[in-house]
Each structure stands twice: as structure tokens, then as C-alpha cells.
C-alpha atoms as a PDB file:
ATOM      1  CA  MET A   1      23.537  67.336  23.138  1.00  0.00           C
ATOM      2  CA  LYS A   2      19.847  67.723  22.626  1.00  0.00           C
ATOM      3  CA  LEU A   3      18.801  71.069  21.205  1.00  0.00           C
ATOM      4  CA  THR A   4      15.943  72.379  23.344  1.00  0.00           C
ATOM      5  CA  THR A   5      12.795  74.109  22.185  1.00  0.00           C
ATOM      6  CA  LYS A   6      14.350  77.401  23.260  1.00  0.00           C
ATOM      7  CA  GLY A   7      17.254  76.990  20.833  1.00  0.00           C
ATOM      8  CA  ARG A   8      15.107  75.744  17.947  1.00  0.00           C
ATOM      9  CA  TYR A   9      12.591  78.555  18.405  1.00  0.00           C
ATOM     10  CA  ALA A  10      15.335  81.182  18.642  1.00  0.00           C
ATOM     11  CA  VAL A  11      16.839  80.052  15.324  1.00  0.00           C
ATOM     12  CA  THR A  12      13.392  79.840  13.695  1.00  0.00           C
ATOM     13  CA  ALA A  13      12.390  83.316  14.907  1.00  0.00           C
ATOM     14  CA  MET A  14      15.695  84.820  13.769  1.00  0.00           C
ATOM     15  CA  MET A  15      15.265  83.208  10.346  1.00  0.00           C
ATOM     16  CA  ASP A  16      11.760  84.682  10.124  1.00  0.00           C
ATOM     17  CA  LEU A  17      13.150  88.065  11.095  1.00  0.00           C
ATOM     18  CA  ALA A  18      15.935  87.835   8.506  1.00  0.00           C
ATOM     19  CA  LEU A  19      13.411  86.947   5.808  1.00  0.00           C
ATOM     20  CA  HIS A  20      10.960  89.736   6.623  1.00  0.00           C
ATOM     21  CA  ALA A  21      12.880  92.580   8.282  1.00  0.00           C
ATOM     22  CA  LYS A  22      14.534  93.707   5.041  1.00  0.00           C
ATOM     23  CA  ILE A  23      11.242  95.385   4.169  1.00  0.00           C
ATOM     24  CA  ASP A  24      10.230  96.780   7.565  1.00  0.00           C
ATOM     25  CA  CYS A  25      10.285  96.035  11.275  1.00  0.00           C
ATOM     26  CA  VAL A  26       8.676  92.734  12.159  1.00  0.00           C
ATOM     27  CA  SER A  27       6.208  92.391  14.997  1.00  0.00           C
ATOM     28  CA  LEU A  28       6.460  89.409  17.292  1.00  0.00           C
ATOM     29  CA  VAL A  29       2.752  88.834  16.700  1.00  0.00           C
ATOM     30  CA  ASP A  30       3.517  88.210  13.010  1.00  0.00           C
ATOM     31  CA  VAL A  31       6.421  85.891  13.842  1.00  0.00           C
ATOM     32  CA  SER A  32       4.204  84.075  16.336  1.00  0.00           C
ATOM     33  CA  GLU A  33       1.473  83.534  13.744  1.00  0.00           C
ATOM     34  CA  ARG A  34       3.794  82.469  10.928  1.00  0.00           C
ATOM     35  CA  GLN A  35       5.886  80.113  13.042  1.00  0.00           C
ATOM     36  CA  THR A  36       3.221  79.000  15.546  1.00  0.00           C
ATOM     37  CA  ILE A  37       5.356  79.975  18.518  1.00  0.00           C
ATOM     38  CA  SER A  38       3.753  81.402  21.643  1.00  0.00           C
ATOM     39  CA  LEU A  39       3.963  85.200  21.763  1.00  0.00           C
ATOM     40  CA  SER A  40       4.997  85.207  25.429  1.00  0.00           C
ATOM     41  CA  TYR A  41       7.751  82.694  24.633  1.00  0.00           C
ATOM     42  CA  LEU A  42       8.990  84.896  21.770  1.00  0.00           C
ATOM     43  CA  GLU A  43       9.018  87.931  24.060  1.00  0.00           C
ATOM     44  CA  GLN A  44      11.309  86.077  26.469  1.00  0.00           C
ATOM     45  CA  LEU A  45      13.588  84.911  23.650  1.00  0.00           C
ATOM     46  CA  PHE A  46      13.803  88.368  22.100  1.00  0.00           C
ATOM     47  CA  ARG A  47      14.818  89.923  25.419  1.00  0.00           C
ATOM     48  CA  ASN A  48      17.873  87.639  25.356  1.00  0.00           C
ATOM     49  CA  LEU A  49      18.511  88.203  21.641  1.00  0.00           C
ATOM     50  CA  LYS A  50      18.360  91.979  22.163  1.00  0.00           C
ATOM     51  CA  LYS A  51      20.636  91.790  25.205  1.00  0.00           C
ATOM     52  CA  ALA A  52      23.145  89.838  23.075  1.00  0.00           C
ATOM     53  CA  GLY A  53      23.087  92.569  20.414  1.00  0.00           C
ATOM     54  CA  LEU A  54      21.495  90.407  17.717  1.00  0.00           C
ATOM     55  CA  VAL A  55      18.234  92.360  17.350  1.00  0.00           C
ATOM     56  CA  ASN A  56      17.047  95.917  17.824  1.00  0.00           C
ATOM     57  CA  SER A  57      13.547  96.957  18.795  1.00  0.00           C
ATOM     58  CA  VAL A  58      11.590  99.899  17.446  1.00  0.00           C
ATOM     59  CA  ARG A  59       8.687 101.313  19.420  1.00  0.00           C
ATOM     60  CA  GLY A  60       5.455 102.660  18.017  1.00  0.00           C
ATOM     61  CA  ALA A  61       2.619 101.640  15.726  1.00  0.00           C
ATOM     62  CA  LYS A  62       5.007 100.547  12.969  1.00  0.00           C
ATOM     63  CA  GLY A  63       7.475  99.154  15.484  1.00  0.00           C
ATOM     64  CA  GLY A  64       8.802  95.696  15.982  1.00  0.00           C
ATOM     65  CA  TYR A  65      12.166  94.039  15.663  1.00  0.00           C
ATOM     66  CA  MET A  66      14.946  93.998  13.127  1.00  0.00           C
ATOM     67  CA  LEU A  67      18.361  92.432  12.959  1.00  0.00           C
ATOM     68  CA  ALA A  68      21.049  94.469  14.711  1.00  0.00           C
ATOM     69  CA  LYS A  69      23.656  93.265  12.175  1.00  0.00           C
ATOM     70  CA  ALA A  70      23.652  91.891   8.668  1.00  0.00           C
ATOM     71  CA  ASP A  71      22.348  88.326   8.534  1.00  0.00           C
ATOM     72  CA  LYS A  72      25.710  87.187   7.140  1.00  0.00           C
ATOM     73  CA  ASP A  73      27.322  88.405  10.390  1.00  0.00           C
ATOM     74  CA  ILE A  74      25.069  86.396  12.731  1.00  0.00           C
ATOM     75  CA  SER A  75      26.043  82.773  13.213  1.00  0.00           C
ATOM     76  CA  LEU A  76      23.869  79.961  14.479  1.00  0.00           C
ATOM     77  CA  ALA A  77      26.239  79.717  17.446  1.00  0.00           C
ATOM     78  CA  ASP A  78      25.554  83.403  18.240  1.00  0.00           C
ATOM     79  CA  ILE A  79      21.815  82.726  18.304  1.00  0.00           C
ATOM     80  CA  LEU A  80      22.046  79.572  20.407  1.00  0.00           C
ATOM     81  CA  VAL A  81      24.409  81.169  22.919  1.00  0.00           C
ATOM     82  CA  ALA A  82      22.100  84.221  23.187  1.00  0.00           C
ATOM     83  CA  ALA A  83      19.174  81.870  23.819  1.00  0.00           C
ATOM     84  CA  ASP A  84      21.218  80.316  26.639  1.00  0.00           C
ATOM     85  CA  GLU A  85      21.446  77.002  24.809  1.00  0.00           C
ATOM     86  CA  GLN A  86      24.258  74.775  25.988  1.00  0.00           C
ATOM     87  CA  ILE A  87      26.586  73.806  23.139  1.00  0.00           C
ATOM     88  CA  ASN A  88      28.353  71.201  25.189  1.00  0.00           C
ATOM     89  CA  LEU A  89      28.389  67.511  24.427  1.00  0.00           C
ATOM     90  CA  ALA A  90      30.553  66.571  27.421  1.00  0.00           C
ATOM     91  CA  CYS A  91      29.326  63.570  29.339  1.00  0.00           C
ATOM     92  CA  GLY A  92      28.607  65.630  32.456  1.00  0.00           C
ATOM     93  CA  GLY A  93      28.225  62.615  34.693  1.00  0.00           C
ATOM     94  CA  SER A  94      28.672  63.118  38.412  1.00  0.00           C
ATOM     95  CA  ALA A  95      32.104  61.465  38.299  1.00  0.00           C
ATOM     96  CA  CYS A  96      33.328  63.486  35.303  1.00  0.00           C
ATOM     97  CA  SER A  97      34.563  67.077  35.156  1.00  0.00           C
ATOM     98  CA  ASP A  98      37.511  69.003  33.738  1.00  0.00           C
ATOM     99  CA  GLU A  99      39.299  68.428  37.055  1.00  0.00           C
ATOM    100  CA  THR A 100      38.503  64.701  37.257  1.00  0.00           C
ATOM    101  CA  PRO A 101      37.826  63.586  33.681  1.00  0.00           C
ATOM    102  CA  CYS A 102      36.374  60.232  32.750  1.00  0.00           C
ATOM    103  CA  LEU A 103      37.924  57.967  30.154  1.00  0.00           C
ATOM    104  CA  THR A 104      36.048  59.568  27.218  1.00  0.00           C
ATOM    105  CA  HIS A 105      36.030  63.171  28.474  1.00  0.00           C
ATOM    106  CA  GLY A 106      38.520  64.389  25.858  1.00  0.00           C
ATOM    107  CA  LEU A 107      36.429  62.908  23.060  1.00  0.00           C
ATOM    108  CA  TRP A 108      33.308  64.804  24.158  1.00  0.00           C
ATOM    109  CA  VAL A 109      35.183  68.051  24.716  1.00  0.00           C
ATOM    110  CA  ASN A 110      36.696  67.769  21.229  1.00  0.00           C
ATOM    111  CA  LEU A 111      33.303  66.955  19.700  1.00  0.00           C
ATOM    112  CA  SER A 112      31.770  69.959  21.477  1.00  0.00           C
ATOM    113  CA  GLN A 113      34.450  72.214  19.985  1.00  0.00           C
ATOM    114  CA  GLN A 114      33.858  70.787  16.499  1.00  0.00           C
ATOM    115  CA  PHE A 115      30.112  71.234  16.867  1.00  0.00           C
ATOM    116  CA  TYR A 116      30.529  74.837  18.019  1.00  0.00           C
ATOM    117  CA  GLN A 117      32.869  75.556  15.089  1.00  0.00           C
ATOM    118  CA  PHE A 118      30.292  74.114  12.686  1.00  0.00           C
ATOM    119  CA  LEU A 119      27.479  76.254  14.155  1.00  0.00           C
ATOM    120  CA  ASN A 120      29.754  79.282  14.153  1.00  0.00           C
ATOM    121  CA  SER A 121      30.557  78.737  10.452  1.00  0.00           C
ATOM    122  CA  LYS A 122      26.868  78.805   9.435  1.00  0.00           C
ATOM    123  CA  SER A 123      25.362  82.262   9.191  1.00  0.00           C
ATOM    124  CA  LEU A 124      21.727  83.205   9.309  1.00  0.00           C
ATOM    125  CA  ASN A 125      22.152  84.244   5.672  1.00  0.00           C
ATOM    126  CA  ASP A 126      23.344  80.735   4.745  1.00  0.00           C
ATOM    127  CA  LEU A 127      20.064  79.352   6.042  1.00  0.00           C
ATOM    128  CA  VAL A 128      17.618  81.932   4.719  1.00  0.00           C
ATOM    129  CA  LYS A 129      18.967  81.776   1.191  1.00  0.00           C
ATOM    130  CA  SER A 130      18.509  78.000   0.943  1.00  0.00           C
ATOM    131  CA  ARG A 131      15.807  76.927  -1.510  1.00  0.00           C
ATOM    132  CA  ASP A 132      13.871  74.940   1.104  1.00  0.00           C
ATOM    133  CA  VAL A 133      13.661  77.906   3.468  1.00  0.00           C
ATOM    134  CA  GLN A 134      12.679  80.270   0.631  1.00  0.00           C
ATOM    135  CA  THR A 135       9.946  77.867  -0.497  1.00  0.00           C
ATOM    136  CA  MET A 136       8.545  77.454   3.017  1.00  0.00           C
ATOM    137  CA  ALA A 137       8.654  81.207   3.672  1.00  0.00           C
ATOM    138  CA  THR A 138       6.758  81.865   0.451  1.00  0.00           C
ATOM    139  CA  MET A 139       4.119  79.298   1.397  1.00  0.00           C
ATOM    140  CA  GLN A 140       3.756  80.847   4.865  1.00  0.00           C
ATOM    141  CA  ASP A 141       3.406  84.361   3.464  1.00  0.00           C
ATOM    142  CA  VAL A 142       0.892  83.377   0.790  1.00  0.00           C
ATOM    143  CA  THR A 143      -1.131  81.356   3.276  1.00  0.00           C
ATOM    144  CA  GLN A 144      -1.057  84.168   5.815  1.00  0.00           C
ATOM    145  CA  ILE A 145      -2.138  86.787   3.276  1.00  0.00           C
ATOM    146  CA  GLY A 146      -5.138  85.000   1.874  1.00  0.00           C
ATOM    147  CA  ASN A 147      -5.522  81.571   3.420  1.00  0.00           C
ATOM    148  CA  ILE A 148      -4.860  80.167  -0.023  1.00  0.00           C
ATOM    149  CA  PRO A 149      -3.931  76.492   0.039  1.00  0.00           C
ATOM    150  CA  VAL A 150      -0.588  76.074  -1.667  1.00  0.00           C
ATOM    151  CA  HIS A 151       1.228  72.891  -2.610  1.00  0.00           C
ATOM    152  CA  ILE A 152       4.780  73.103  -3.838  1.00  0.00           C
ATOM    153  CA  SER A 153       6.397  69.847  -4.821  1.00  0.00           C
ATOM    154  CA  ASN A 154      10.006  69.361  -3.746  1.00  0.00           C
ATOM    155  CA  ASP A 155      11.626  66.411  -5.486  1.00  0.00           C
ATOM    156  CA  THR A 156      15.172  67.238  -4.418  1.00  0.00           C
ATOM    157  CA  GLU A 157      17.072  66.723  -1.201  1.00  0.00           C
ATOM    158  CA  ASN A 158      17.028  69.142   1.692  1.00  0.00           C
ATOM    159  CA  ASP A 159      19.597  71.885   1.135  1.00  0.00           C
ATOM    160  CA  TYR A 160      19.653  73.659   4.508  1.00  0.00           C
ATOM    161  CA  VAL A 161      23.354  73.471   5.194  1.00  0.00           C
END
């Protein structure tokens, strides 16, 4: 399985929302600027995320988006499924299907299930509370506020998941 831009951007935007929506609603313009994702692309993604019940929108001058549930109750699988990302590692060749499986079909189906279970076990909260994400979010916010160049050294391994 190759995670598409749609899936990566959906997870990134939801992480941004989880980091910033605890204070107030978050505008897609702000997410777009912080994460360098096209505003029109975010609008399409957020339609799907709202339809899936993962975000709520608020209209008006102070409007924007916020999480529809606690970040600990939103899994990465929820986000990827809402973004219409395929979490399927099956071979998918023309000669292979559930009805007429190839020799390794069971392996790929099992791997797909394991992968889905892994994504389903990781919440948005698990990601946003990691040190690497917190450091990057702080750098983005400081840079956005005053265009202040910031360098934070990270001598340890990545601790995303």
C-alpha cells in the first residue's frame, strides 16, 4: 500500500487541528499556511472529514473547524477511511480476487488486517503529544507569529509512534 497525498494531508491537517483547536476554532487558511497545503485541497478533505463526523464547522468571523470528538477518540484509521484512503495491501492483480485468490492472497489480506489494526490503535492524541510533533508545532507557531528563525536541535530518535 502506498499512502497517497490525500491520506497524508488528512492526517497532517487533523493533527494541526488537534494542536490548535483546544484554544479556538481553526480556520483552514491557518492550517494551509502552517502546513503548506493548498486551501482548496483542504476544503475538499474537510468536507469528507465533516461527513465522517470527525470535525465540526462553525460559521462566522471567528469560525473555522474543531474536532467533533476528543482527539483520543479519533484513530488514524478513522482519518484515512474518511479521506477515502484505501487501507488494503491485497495484491489486486487482474487474476486475483476474494473469489479467485492467488497463491499469496491470504498473506496480503492478513497483512491488511494487521495494518488496519495498527492504525486503529493509534489515536490522534498519541501523535500530537509526541515530543517531535510538539517541537515542530512550536517552531511553526513561532515562525508564523513573527517570522523568527528558530533552530531546535533534536539528538534523539523519532518518537512518533
